[in-house]
C-alpha atoms as a PDB file:
ATOM      1  CA  MET A   1      66.804  93.414 113.988  1.00  0.00           C
ATOM      2  CA  VAL A   2      64.296  91.736 116.304  1.00  0.00           C
ATOM      3  CA  TRP A   3      64.552  94.453 118.964  1.00  0.00           C
ATOM      4  CA  ILE A   4      65.252  97.710 117.102  1.00  0.00           C
ATOM      5  CA  LEU A   5      63.175  97.365 113.921  1.00  0.00           C
ATOM      6  CA  PRO A   6      59.742  96.908 115.587  1.00  0.00           C
ATOM      7  CA  THR A   7      60.472  99.823 117.939  1.00  0.00           C
ATOM      8  CA  ALA A   8      61.405 102.088 115.044  1.00  0.00           C
ATOM      9  CA  LEU A   9      58.313 101.137 113.087  1.00  0.00           C
ATOM     10  CA  THR A  10      55.899 101.818 115.965  1.00  0.00           C
ATOM     11  CA  LYS A  11      57.343 104.951 117.591  1.00  0.00           C
ATOM     12  CA  HIS A  12      55.404 108.275 117.862  1.00  0.00           C
ATOM     13  CA  PRO A  13      53.685 109.693 115.843  1.00  0.00           C
ATOM     14  CA  VAL A  14      52.813 106.450 114.025  1.00  0.00           C
ATOM     15  CA  ILE A  15      51.209 105.085 117.243  1.00  0.00           C
ATOM     16  CA  PRO A  16      50.893 107.943 119.819  1.00  0.00           C
ATOM     17  CA  ASP A  17      49.721 105.803 122.786  1.00  0.00           C
ATOM     18  CA  ALA A  18      52.610 104.182 124.690  1.00  0.00           C
ATOM     19  CA  ALA A  19      50.671 101.018 125.598  1.00  0.00           C
ATOM     20  CA  ASP A  20      49.583 100.514 122.004  1.00  0.00           C
ATOM     21  CA  ARG A  21      53.151 101.094 120.817  1.00  0.00           C
ATOM     22  CA  HIS A  22      54.443  98.490 123.249  1.00  0.00           C
ATOM     23  CA  LYS A  23      51.828  95.950 122.131  1.00  0.00           C
ATOM     24  CA  ALA A  24      52.461  96.647 118.430  1.00  0.00           C
ATOM     25  CA  ALA A  25      56.209  96.311 118.912  1.00  0.00           C
ATOM     26  CA  ALA A  26      55.771  93.023 120.816  1.00  0.00           C
ATOM     27  CA  ASP A  27      53.494  91.644 118.099  1.00  0.00           C
ATOM     28  CA  ALA A  28      55.967  92.705 115.415  1.00  0.00           C
ATOM     29  CA  ARG A  29      58.811  91.048 117.296  1.00  0.00           C
ATOM     30  CA  SER A  30      56.825  87.805 117.597  1.00  0.00           C
ATOM     31  CA  ALA A  31      56.029  87.812 113.882  1.00  0.00           C
ATOM     32  CA  LEU A  32      59.652  88.604 112.994  1.00  0.00           C
ATOM     33  CA  VAL A  33      60.966  85.811 115.226  1.00  0.00           C
ATOM     34  CA  ALA A  34      58.517  83.355 113.619  1.00  0.00           C
ATOM     35  CA  LEU A  35      59.675  84.518 110.180  1.00  0.00           C
ATOM     36  CA  LEU A  36      63.347  84.044 111.076  1.00  0.00           C
ATOM     37  CA  VAL A  37      62.640  80.575 112.529  1.00  0.00           C
ATOM     38  CA  ALA A  38      60.804  79.596 109.346  1.00  0.00           C
ATOM     39  CA  ALA A  39      63.670  80.907 107.199  1.00  0.00           C
ATOM     40  CA  GLY A  40      66.155  78.955 109.309  1.00  0.00           C
ATOM     41  CA  ALA A  41      64.078  75.791 108.983  1.00  0.00           C
ATOM     42  CA  GLY A  42      63.870  76.286 105.218  1.00  0.00           C
ATOM     43  CA  GLY A  43      67.630  76.711 105.020  1.00  0.00           C
ATOM     44  CA  THR A  44      68.142  73.573 107.093  1.00  0.00           C
ATOM     45  CA  LEU A  45      65.820  71.598 104.805  1.00  0.00           C
ATOM     46  CA  ALA A  46      67.625  72.896 101.716  1.00  0.00           C
ATOM     47  CA  TYR A  47      71.003  71.947 103.196  1.00  0.00           C
ATOM     48  CA  THR A  48      69.703  68.511 104.190  1.00  0.00           C
ATOM     49  CA  ALA A  49      68.280  67.929 100.706  1.00  0.00           C
ATOM     50  CA  ARG A  50      71.548  68.990  99.104  1.00  0.00           C
ATOM     51  CA  SER A  51      73.542  66.713 101.418  1.00  0.00           C
ATOM     52  CA  TYR A  52      71.202  63.809 100.643  1.00  0.00           C
ATOM     53  CA  ARG A  53      71.563  64.395  96.904  1.00  0.00           C
ATOM     54  CA  LEU A  54      75.354  64.554  97.097  1.00  0.00           C
ATOM     55  CA  ASN A  55      75.488  61.425  99.253  1.00  0.00           C
ATOM     56  CA  ARG A  56      73.182  59.600  96.863  1.00  0.00           C
ATOM     57  CA  GLU A  57      75.265  60.617  93.847  1.00  0.00           C
ATOM     58  CA  GLY A  58      78.415  59.528  95.642  1.00  0.00           C
ATOM     59  CA  HIS A  59      76.834  56.169  96.457  1.00  0.00           C
ATOM     60  CA  ILE A  60      75.765  55.680  92.825  1.00  0.00           C
ATOM     61  CA  THR A  61      79.268  56.572  91.633  1.00  0.00           C
ATOM     62  CA  GLU A  62      80.751  54.028  94.043  1.00  0.00           C
ATOM     63  CA  ARG A  63      78.334  51.327  92.878  1.00  0.00           C
ATOM     64  CA  TYR A  64      79.034  52.165  89.231  1.00  0.00           C
ATOM     65  CA  THR A  65      82.811  52.049  89.661  1.00  0.00           C
ATOM     66  CA  LYS A  66      82.660  48.698  91.447  1.00  0.00           C
ATOM     67  CA  ALA A  67      80.309  47.213  88.836  1.00  0.00           C
ATOM     68  CA  VAL A  68      82.533  48.306  85.940  1.00  0.00           C
ATOM     69  CA  GLU A  69      85.560  46.759  87.630  1.00  0.00           C
ATOM     70  CA  GLN A  70      83.700  43.472  88.086  1.00  0.00           C
ATOM     71  CA  LEU A  71      82.754  43.324  84.392  1.00  0.00           C
ATOM     72  CA  GLY A  72      86.320  42.225  83.717  1.00  0.00           C
ATOM     73  CA  HIS A  73      86.286  39.450  86.334  1.00  0.00           C
ATOM     74  CA  ASP A  74      87.191  35.911  85.287  1.00  0.00           C
ATOM     75  CA  THR A  75      84.082  34.391  86.913  1.00  0.00           C
ATOM     76  CA  LEU A  76      80.817  34.460  84.966  1.00  0.00           C
ATOM     77  CA  ALA A  77      78.682  34.855  88.088  1.00  0.00           C
ATOM     78  CA  VAL A  78      80.604  37.981  89.118  1.00  0.00           C
ATOM     79  CA  ARG A  79      80.235  39.493  85.640  1.00  0.00           C
ATOM     80  CA  LEU A  80      76.502  38.796  85.664  1.00  0.00           C
ATOM     81  CA  GLY A  81      76.179  40.400  89.095  1.00  0.00           C
ATOM     82  CA  ALA A  82      77.974  43.485  87.775  1.00  0.00           C
ATOM     83  CA  MET A  83      75.522  43.740  84.883  1.00  0.00           C
ATOM     84  CA  TYR A  84      72.499  43.541  87.161  1.00  0.00           C
ATOM     85  CA  ALA A  85      74.082  46.213  89.375  1.00  0.00           C
ATOM     86  CA  LEU A  86      74.460  48.457  86.328  1.00  0.00           C
ATOM     87  CA  GLU A  87      70.852  47.771  85.411  1.00  0.00           C
ATOM     88  CA  ARG A  88      69.749  48.942  88.859  1.00  0.00           C
ATOM     89  CA  ILE A  89      71.832  52.107  88.492  1.00  0.00           C
ATOM     90  CA  ALA A  90      70.240  52.881  85.115  1.00  0.00           C
ATOM     91  CA  VAL A  91      66.775  52.397  86.599  1.00  0.00           C
ATOM     92  CA  ASP A  92      67.526  54.573  89.642  1.00  0.00           C
ATOM     93  CA  SER A  93      69.465  57.334  87.878  1.00  0.00           C
ATOM     94  CA  HIS A  94      68.235  58.961  84.669  1.00  0.00           C
ATOM     95  CA  ARG A  95      71.532  60.851  84.412  1.00  0.00           C
ATOM     96  CA  ASP A  96      73.584  57.621  84.422  1.00  0.00           C
ATOM     97  CA  HIS A  97      71.256  55.649  82.138  1.00  0.00           C
ATOM     98  CA  GLN A  98      73.065  56.506  78.891  1.00  0.00           C
ATOM     99  CA  THR A  99      76.456  55.723  80.431  1.00  0.00           C
ATOM    100  CA  VAL A 100      75.238  52.268  81.474  1.00  0.00           C
ATOM    101  CA  VAL A 101      73.940  51.657  77.933  1.00  0.00           C
ATOM    102  CA  GLU A 102      77.333  52.555  76.482  1.00  0.00           C
ATOM    103  CA  VAL A 103      79.218  50.358  78.974  1.00  0.00           C
ATOM    104  CA  LEU A 104      77.019  47.297  78.337  1.00  0.00           C
ATOM    105  CA  SER A 105      77.134  47.930  74.582  1.00  0.00           C
ATOM    106  CA  ALA A 106      80.935  48.052  74.648  1.00  0.00           C
ATOM    107  CA  PHE A 107      81.021  44.827  76.662  1.00  0.00           C
ATOM    108  CA  ILE A 108      78.833  43.054  74.108  1.00  0.00           C
ATOM    109  CA  ARG A 109      80.844  44.355  71.146  1.00  0.00           C
ATOM    110  CA  LYS A 110      84.139  43.054  72.504  1.00  0.00           C
ATOM    111  CA  THR A 111      82.817  39.667  73.643  1.00  0.00           C
ATOM    112  CA  ALA A 112      83.513  36.898  71.170  1.00  0.00           C
ATOM    113  CA  PRO A 113      80.914  34.199  70.483  1.00  0.00           C
ATOM    114  CA  GLU A 114      81.264  30.683  71.824  1.00  0.00           C
ATOM    115  CA  GLN A 115      81.046  27.462  69.838  1.00  0.00           C
ATOM    116  CA  ALA A 116      78.265  24.896  70.153  1.00  0.00           C
ATOM    117  CA  ASN A 117      77.850  21.960  67.771  1.00  0.00           C
ATOM    118  CA  GLY A 118      80.336  23.546  65.416  1.00  0.00           C
ATOM    119  CA  ARG A 119      78.511  26.861  65.079  1.00  0.00           C
ATOM    120  CA  PRO A 120      78.881  30.193  66.889  1.00  0.00           C
ATOM    121  CA  VAL A 121      76.465  31.120  69.665  1.00  0.00           C
ATOM    122  CA  VAL A 122      76.267  34.262  71.738  1.00  0.00           C
ATOM    123  CA  ALA A 123      78.276  34.148  74.979  1.00  0.00           C
ATOM    124  CA  PRO A 124      75.997  33.834  78.041  1.00  0.00           C
ATOM    125  CA  ASP A 125      77.206  37.053  79.652  1.00  0.00           C
ATOM    126  CA  SER A 126      76.838  38.910  76.362  1.00  0.00           C
ATOM    127  CA  GLU A 127      73.276  37.599  76.032  1.00  0.00           C
ATOM    128  CA  ALA A 128      72.520  38.694  79.601  1.00  0.00           C
ATOM    129  CA  ALA A 129      73.816  42.188  78.838  1.00  0.00           C
ATOM    130  CA  MET A 130      71.664  42.296  75.709  1.00  0.00           C
ATOM    131  CA  THR A 131      68.617  41.197  77.676  1.00  0.00           C
ATOM    132  CA  ILE A 132      69.225  44.006  80.171  1.00  0.00           C
ATOM    133  CA  LEU A 133      69.525  46.574  77.381  1.00  0.00           C
ATOM    134  CA  GLY A 134      66.237  45.332  75.979  1.00  0.00           C
ATOM    135  CA  ARG A 135      64.321  45.853  79.217  1.00  0.00           C
ATOM    136  CA  LEU A 136      65.788  49.106  80.569  1.00  0.00           C
ATOM    137  CA  PRO A 137      63.320  51.988  81.112  1.00  0.00           C
ATOM    138  CA  ARG A 138      62.090  53.736  77.986  1.00  0.00           C
ATOM    139  CA  ARG A 139      63.473  57.287  78.078  1.00  0.00           C
ATOM    140  CA  HIS A 140      63.213  59.367  74.925  1.00  0.00           C
ATOM    141  CA  ASP A 141      66.647  60.975  75.349  1.00  0.00           C
ATOM    142  CA  VAL A 142      68.531  57.697  75.910  1.00  0.00           C
ATOM    143  CA  ASN A 143      69.741  55.398  73.120  1.00  0.00           C
ATOM    144  CA  ARG A 144      68.756  51.768  73.423  1.00  0.00           C
ATOM    145  CA  ALA A 145      72.035  50.150  72.315  1.00  0.00           C
ATOM    146  CA  ASN A 146      75.122  50.813  70.222  1.00  0.00           C
ATOM    147  CA  LEU A 147      76.114  47.416  68.826  1.00  0.00           C
ATOM    148  CA  PRO A 148      77.633  47.638  65.341  1.00  0.00           C
ATOM    149  CA  GLY A 149      79.287  44.344  64.465  1.00  0.00           C
ATOM    150  CA  ALA A 150      78.237  42.664  67.719  1.00  0.00           C
ATOM    151  CA  HIS A 151      78.052  38.852  67.981  1.00  0.00           C
ATOM    152  CA  LEU A 152      74.481  37.940  68.906  1.00  0.00           C
ATOM    153  CA  GLU A 153      74.215  34.547  67.260  1.00  0.00           C
ATOM    154  CA  MET A 154      71.282  32.484  68.625  1.00  0.00           C
ATOM    155  CA  ALA A 155      70.487  35.226  71.170  1.00  0.00           C
ATOM    156  CA  ASP A 156      67.080  35.064  72.832  1.00  0.00           C
ATOM    157  CA  LEU A 157      65.702  38.590  72.390  1.00  0.00           C
ATOM    158  CA  ARG A 158      62.006  37.834  72.430  1.00  0.00           C
ATOM    159  CA  GLY A 159      60.045  41.002  73.172  1.00  0.00           C
ATOM    160  CA  ALA A 160      63.210  43.088  73.646  1.00  0.00           C
ATOM    161  CA  PHE A 161      62.720  46.846  73.363  1.00  0.00           C
ATOM    162  CA  LEU A 162      65.445  47.933  70.943  1.00  0.00           C
ATOM    163  CA  ASN A 163      63.863  50.854  69.120  1.00  0.00           C
ATOM    164  CA  GLY A 164      66.533  52.976  67.465  1.00  0.00           C
ATOM    165  CA  ALA A 165      69.346  50.560  68.364  1.00  0.00           C
ATOM    166  CA  ASN A 166      72.468  50.540  66.210  1.00  0.00           C
ATOM    167  CA  LEU A 167      72.820  46.926  65.055  1.00  0.00           C
ATOM    168  CA  ALA A 168      74.596  47.646  61.786  1.00  0.00           C
ATOM    169  CA  GLY A 169      76.676  44.678  60.710  1.00  0.00           C
ATOM    170  CA  ALA A 170      75.704  42.682  63.798  1.00  0.00           C
ATOM    171  CA  SER A 171      75.727  38.896  63.508  1.00  0.00           C
ATOM    172  CA  MET A 172      72.253  37.788  64.606  1.00  0.00           C
ATOM    173  CA  ILE A 173      72.199  34.395  62.946  1.00  0.00           C
ATOM    174  CA  GLY A 174      69.432  32.270  64.441  1.00  0.00           C
ATOM    175  CA  ALA A 175      68.472  34.979  66.946  1.00  0.00           C
ATOM    176  CA  LYS A 176      64.995  34.828  68.446  1.00  0.00           C
ATOM    177  CA  LEU A 177      63.506  38.258  67.740  1.00  0.00           C
ATOM    178  CA  ILE A 178      59.890  37.199  68.185  1.00  0.00           C
ATOM    179  CA  GLY A 179      57.853  40.273  69.088  1.00  0.00           C
ATOM    180  CA  ALA A 180      60.986  42.413  69.441  1.00  0.00           C
ATOM    181  CA  HIS A 181      60.642  46.180  69.110  1.00  0.00           C
ATOM    182  CA  LEU A 182      63.061  47.264  66.392  1.00  0.00           C
ATOM    183  CA  ASN A 183      61.367  50.446  65.222  1.00  0.00           C
ATOM    184  CA  GLY A 184      63.929  52.779  63.701  1.00  0.00           C
ATOM    185  CA  ALA A 185      66.769  50.327  64.379  1.00  0.00           C
ATOM    186  CA  ASP A 186      69.772  50.232  62.055  1.00  0.00           C
ATOM    187  CA  LEU A 187      70.027  46.662  60.746  1.00  0.00           C
ATOM    188  CA  SER A 188      72.052  47.566  57.670  1.00  0.00           C
ATOM    189  CA  GLY A 189      74.478  44.807  56.779  1.00  0.00           C
ATOM    190  CA  ALA A 190      73.271  42.659  59.671  1.00  0.00           C
ATOM    191  CA  SER A 191      73.372  38.871  59.408  1.00  0.00           C
ATOM    192  CA  LEU A 192      69.801  37.734  60.030  1.00  0.00           C
ATOM    193  CA  GLU A 193      70.057  34.247  58.579  1.00  0.00           C
ATOM    194  CA  GLU A 194      67.572  31.886  60.256  1.00  0.00           C
ATOM    195  CA  ALA A 195      66.543  34.656  62.663  1.00  0.00           C
ATOM    196  CA  ASP A 196      62.952  34.481  63.898  1.00  0.00           C
ATOM    197  CA  LEU A 197      61.293  37.836  63.200  1.00  0.00           C
ATOM    198  CA  THR A 198      57.697  36.734  63.636  1.00  0.00           C
ATOM    199  CA  ALA A 199      55.555  39.542  65.059  1.00  0.00           C
ATOM    200  CA  ALA A 200      58.598  41.844  65.355  1.00  0.00           C
ATOM    201  CA  SER A 201      57.876  45.569  65.033  1.00  0.00           C
ATOM    202  CA  VAL A 202      60.205  47.083  62.405  1.00  0.00           C
ATOM    203  CA  LYS A 203      58.720  50.469  61.511  1.00  0.00           C
ATOM    204  CA  TRP A 204      61.380  52.537  59.715  1.00  0.00           C
ATOM    205  CA  ALA A 205      64.042  49.938  60.535  1.00  0.00           C
ATOM    206  CA  ASN A 206      66.898  50.024  58.005  1.00  0.00           C
ATOM    207  CA  PHE A 207      67.460  46.623  56.346  1.00  0.00           C
ATOM    208  CA  SER A 208      69.908  47.854  53.711  1.00  0.00           C
ATOM    209  CA  GLY A 209      72.250  44.987  52.781  1.00  0.00           C
ATOM    210  CA  ALA A 210      70.972  42.728  55.562  1.00  0.00           C
ATOM    211  CA  ASN A 211      71.288  38.992  54.914  1.00  0.00           C
ATOM    212  CA  MET A 212      67.830  37.502  55.481  1.00  0.00           C
ATOM    213  CA  ALA A 213      68.410  33.981  54.175  1.00  0.00           C
ATOM    214  CA  ASP A 214      65.888  31.656  55.845  1.00  0.00           C
ATOM    215  CA  ALA A 215      64.761  34.419  58.227  1.00  0.00           C
ATOM    216  CA  ASP A 216      61.357  33.425  59.610  1.00  0.00           C
ATOM    217  CA  LEU A 217      58.636  35.906  58.624  1.00  0.00           C
ATOM    218  CA  THR A 218      55.698  33.533  58.928  1.00  0.00           C
ATOM    219  CA  ARG A 219      52.481  34.333  60.696  1.00  0.00           C
ATOM    220  CA  THR A 220      51.852  34.003  64.412  1.00  0.00           C
ATOM    221  CA  SER A 221      48.610  32.892  65.988  1.00  0.00           C
ATOM    222  CA  VAL A 222      47.347  36.470  65.634  1.00  0.00           C
ATOM    223  CA  GLU A 223      48.747  38.043  62.476  1.00  0.00           C
ATOM    224  CA  GLY A 224      51.545  37.937  59.960  1.00  0.00           C
ATOM    225  CA  THR A 225      54.887  39.681  60.268  1.00  0.00           C
ATOM    226  CA  ASP A 226      54.514  43.266  59.054  1.00  0.00           C
ATOM    227  CA  LEU A 227      57.528  44.457  57.063  1.00  0.00           C
ATOM    228  CA  SER A 228      55.577  47.071  55.126  1.00  0.00           C
ATOM    229  CA  PRO A 229      56.928  50.049  57.151  1.00  0.00           C
ATOM    230  CA  ALA A 230      60.562  48.825  56.961  1.00  0.00           C
ATOM    231  CA  ARG A 231      63.158  50.693  54.898  1.00  0.00           C
ATOM    232  CA  SER A 232      65.622  49.587  52.214  1.00  0.00           C
ATOM    233  CA  LEU A 233      64.267  46.082  51.711  1.00  0.00           C
ATOM    234  CA  ILE A 234      64.697  44.614  48.227  1.00  0.00           C
ATOM    235  CA  GLN A 235      63.145  41.662  46.462  1.00  0.00           C
ATOM    236  CA  THR A 236      66.175  39.371  46.698  1.00  0.00           C
ATOM    237  CA  GLN A 237      66.202  39.695  50.496  1.00  0.00           C
ATOM    238  CA  ILE A 238      62.546  38.696  50.691  1.00  0.00           C
ATOM    239  CA  ASP A 239      62.995  35.853  48.207  1.00  0.00           C
ATOM    240  CA  ALA A 240      65.674  34.355  50.470  1.00  0.00           C
ATOM    241  CA  ALA A 241      63.482  34.539  53.587  1.00  0.00           C
ATOM    242  CA  ILE A 242      60.680  32.243  54.772  1.00  0.00           C
ATOM    243  CA  GLY A 243      57.200  33.757  54.856  1.00  0.00           C
ATOM    244  CA  ASP A 244      53.599  33.003  54.031  1.00  0.00           C
ATOM    245  CA  PHE A 245      50.406  34.607  52.740  1.00  0.00           C
ATOM    246  CA  ALA A 246      50.058  36.721  55.912  1.00  0.00           C
ATOM    247  CA  THR A 247      53.500  38.335  55.670  1.00  0.00           C
ATOM    248  CA  ARG A 248      53.075  42.015  54.799  1.00  0.00           C
ATOM    249  CA  LEU A 249      55.712  43.570  52.575  1.00  0.00           C
ATOM    250  CA  PRO A 250      56.677  47.080  51.430  1.00  0.00           C
ATOM    251  CA  LEU A 251      54.963  48.493  48.379  1.00  0.00           C
ATOM    252  CA  GLY A 252      56.488  47.205  45.158  1.00  0.00           C
ATOM    253  CA  ILE A 253      57.882  43.958  46.588  1.00  0.00           C
ATOM    254  CA  SER A 254      56.181  40.754  45.507  1.00  0.00           C
ATOM    255  CA  ASN A 255      55.167  38.079  47.959  1.00  0.00           C
ATOM    256  CA  PRO A 256      57.128  35.032  46.717  1.00  0.00           C
ATOM    257  CA  TRP A 257      55.074  32.643  48.839  1.00  0.00           C
ATOM    258  CA  THR A 258      51.680  33.502  47.270  1.00  0.00           C
ATOM    259  CA  GLY A 259      52.522  35.277  44.040  1.00  0.00           C
ATOM    260  CA  GLY A 260      50.660  38.365  45.273  1.00  0.00           C
ATOM    261  CA  ARG A 261      51.835  41.770  46.391  1.00  0.00           C
END
């Protein structure tokens, strides 16, 4: 191609002078060689990029497999290390993010609470997994958590980002949900007794059948808890909770702490 094509393109009568034909053919050969070198370099870069991607995916798969195995270890420190490894994988790999959420959610669902002073409290590794779920990157196509019936008693979830999380029937007695993001979360049938919901964001959260006895809805230093955008709240749930004049409620529900609406 390098030798014959330029000669064929420059032969008489296209270029009648022999010297000019020789020069044109040499220039064409130089340009063609440069083009072939560039194409070869591009192919090499593409192959290198593909190899890097495959190696990276293989490394992530290896890390993921090892972390999942360690989640079942008898030692708490090893289990915690596995969770933080899964967190790093979710941060590094958008494709594996949802899988990590499902694995950590399953771990939390199957972990039984511990006992402290005669009452259940969330297991430390379960609380760590919940904390990780609450701080993972915010990606619109990834669910935050799938935790129906999970034991999260006394869990510290201050500021956790749990928009859209499935917490139906979860036991969150005494949980610290101060400033938590629960927009669109499913809290139907959840046990929220004595939970601290001050300054929590609950737009379109579903509270159907949730037990809110002694749930703290009082004001913070800035503003009152805003339940006005929440769904499926009824008067008896609010009457059982603890609020004040600054607590904002859905339309049609009376404020039992001031007599207003």
